[in-house]
Protein backbone atom coordinates (compact mmCIF):
# COMPACT_ATOMS: atom_id res chain seq x y z
CA MET A 1 70.82 88.46 98.25
CA LYS A 2 72.51 88.74 94.87
CA GLU A 3 76.30 88.31 94.89
CA MET A 4 78.14 91.38 93.61
CA LEU A 5 80.69 91.26 90.81
CA ARG A 6 84.33 90.55 91.59
CA ILE A 7 86.48 93.03 89.68
CA ALA A 8 90.26 93.05 89.18
CA MET A 9 92.03 96.22 88.04
CA PHE A 10 95.55 96.85 86.83
CA GLY A 11 97.58 99.33 84.81
CA GLN A 12 98.17 101.87 87.58
CA LYS A 13 101.52 102.02 89.36
CA ASN A 14 100.02 101.94 92.87
CA LEU A 15 97.15 103.67 94.61
CA SER A 16 99.32 105.70 96.98
CA ARG A 17 100.78 107.58 94.01
CA GLU A 18 98.96 110.73 92.89
CA GLY A 19 99.20 110.43 89.10
CA GLY A 20 96.33 110.86 86.64
CA VAL A 21 95.59 107.17 86.07
CA GLU A 22 96.01 106.44 89.78
CA LEU A 23 93.51 109.14 90.74
CA VAL A 24 90.91 107.72 88.35
CA VAL A 25 91.49 104.13 89.53
CA LYS A 26 91.41 105.13 93.21
CA GLU A 27 88.11 106.99 92.77
CA LEU A 28 86.56 104.21 90.70
CA CYS A 29 87.64 101.53 93.21
CA SER A 30 86.35 103.53 96.14
CA ARG A 31 82.94 104.12 94.58
CA LEU A 32 82.51 100.52 93.39
CA ALA A 33 83.60 99.13 96.78
CA ASP A 34 81.10 101.43 98.51
CA LYS A 35 78.37 99.85 96.37
CA GLY A 36 79.41 96.40 97.54
CA TYR A 37 81.55 95.21 94.61
CA GLN A 38 84.60 93.11 95.49
CA ILE A 39 87.57 95.05 94.11
CA THR A 40 91.18 93.91 93.80
CA CYS A 41 93.87 96.26 92.48
CA TYR A 42 97.12 94.80 91.19
CA ASN A 43 99.90 97.33 91.84
CA ARG A 44 103.58 97.46 91.00
CA SER A 45 105.76 96.26 93.83
CA SER A 46 108.13 99.23 93.47
CA ASN A 47 108.74 100.25 97.07
CA LYS A 48 107.29 97.03 98.45
CA GLY A 49 109.99 94.55 97.45
CA ASN A 50 109.24 91.78 94.98
CA ASN A 51 106.85 89.81 97.11
CA ILE A 52 103.09 89.68 97.03
CA ASP A 53 101.50 91.74 99.79
CA PHE A 54 97.79 91.16 100.36
CA SER A 55 97.12 94.27 102.40
CA GLU A 56 94.38 96.84 102.62
CA SER A 57 95.09 100.49 102.08
CA ASP A 58 94.36 102.90 104.92
CA ASN A 59 92.60 105.13 102.40
CA LEU A 60 90.60 102.37 100.72
CA PRO A 61 89.56 99.88 103.41
CA ASN A 62 87.22 97.90 101.13
CA VAL A 63 89.70 97.55 98.27
CA ARG A 64 92.12 94.63 98.28
CA GLN A 65 95.54 95.62 96.98
CA VAL A 66 98.01 93.07 95.67
CA TYR A 67 101.59 94.03 94.84
CA VAL A 68 102.87 91.99 91.90
CA PRO A 69 106.52 91.19 91.13
CA THR A 70 108.18 94.00 89.19
CA ILE A 71 111.63 94.13 87.60
CA GLU A 72 112.90 97.61 88.42
CA LYS A 73 114.92 98.21 85.25
CA LYS A 74 114.24 100.90 82.69
CA GLY A 75 111.67 99.61 80.23
CA LEU A 76 110.85 96.48 82.23
CA ALA A 77 108.88 97.71 85.26
CA ALA A 78 105.60 98.39 83.44
CA VAL A 79 105.85 95.29 81.25
CA THR A 80 106.62 92.85 84.05
CA ALA A 81 104.04 94.32 86.44
CA SER A 82 101.36 94.22 83.71
CA ALA A 83 102.24 90.65 82.71
CA PHE A 84 102.04 89.39 86.31
CA ALA A 85 98.84 91.35 86.97
CA ALA A 86 97.26 89.89 83.82
CA LEU A 87 98.30 86.39 84.88
CA TYR A 88 96.99 86.79 88.44
CA SER A 89 93.70 88.27 87.23
CA ALA A 90 93.33 85.51 84.63
CA LEU A 91 93.81 82.80 87.24
CA GLY A 92 91.83 84.56 89.99
CA ARG A 93 88.11 84.33 90.69
CA TYR A 94 87.01 87.52 88.93
CA ASP A 95 83.98 88.29 86.83
CA VAL A 96 85.54 91.35 85.19
CA VAL A 97 89.11 92.50 84.58
CA HIS A 98 89.44 96.26 84.07
CA ILE A 99 92.74 97.32 82.49
CA HIS A 100 93.88 100.93 82.56
CA ALA A 101 96.15 102.41 79.84
CA GLU A 102 97.27 101.23 76.43
CA GLY A 103 100.54 99.57 77.49
CA PRO A 104 98.98 97.15 80.00
CA ALA A 105 96.14 96.56 77.52
CA PHE A 106 98.59 94.50 75.46
CA PHE A 107 97.97 91.70 77.98
CA ALA A 108 94.15 91.82 77.69
CA TRP A 109 94.24 88.54 75.77
CA LEU A 110 95.42 86.61 78.84
CA PRO A 111 92.36 87.05 81.11
CA LYS A 112 90.17 86.82 77.99
CA LEU A 113 91.73 83.43 77.23
CA PHE A 114 90.51 82.26 80.65
CA GLY A 115 86.95 83.40 80.00
CA LYS A 116 87.03 86.71 81.86
CA ARG A 117 85.13 89.76 80.68
CA VAL A 118 87.73 92.43 79.96
CA ILE A 119 87.33 96.21 79.90
CA VAL A 120 90.12 98.50 78.72
CA THR A 121 90.16 102.21 79.54
CA ILE A 122 92.61 104.38 77.63
CA HIS A 123 93.34 107.55 79.60
CA GLY A 124 94.24 110.71 77.76
CA ASP A 125 93.88 111.53 74.06
CA ALA A 126 91.48 108.96 72.60
CA GLN A 127 92.15 109.98 68.99
CA ILE A 128 94.63 107.14 68.71
CA ILE A 129 91.68 104.74 68.65
CA SER A 130 89.48 106.55 66.16
CA ARG A 131 88.03 104.68 63.19
CA LYS A 132 90.08 106.95 60.95
CA ASN A 133 93.34 105.66 62.45
CA MET A 134 92.38 102.08 63.27
CA GLY A 135 89.90 101.14 60.53
CA GLN A 136 87.62 98.17 61.30
CA MET A 137 89.55 97.27 64.48
CA ALA A 138 87.91 100.24 66.25
CA ALA A 139 84.39 99.10 65.36
């Protein structure tokens, strides 16, 4: 039997939160896991303390959730969580790293540097990435 892809995802705060990005990530993880893909979500450690917790969610039993260290200061939470998630996904055994949102996408170079295939999904108004605004970089 063919081994399914191992996919890491980050950019969401955590999957118990009901925000727009989190809803998309939760649904995507659930559907991919149901098809047999090995999914790991890297979440902010906000209400979990600053230690790594390899636990399964009650709502997503086939999705592995890892809580990365997060500095809970204004302007640092998203950056530190994204940096650690990028590092963990770069060093982990993943075939694909799927990054959600433009802020966390800044760290796409790190898993790419380690030979991972990287996908970035920008949620919301995609006009910021049009050829008109970005020139040849959007090609």
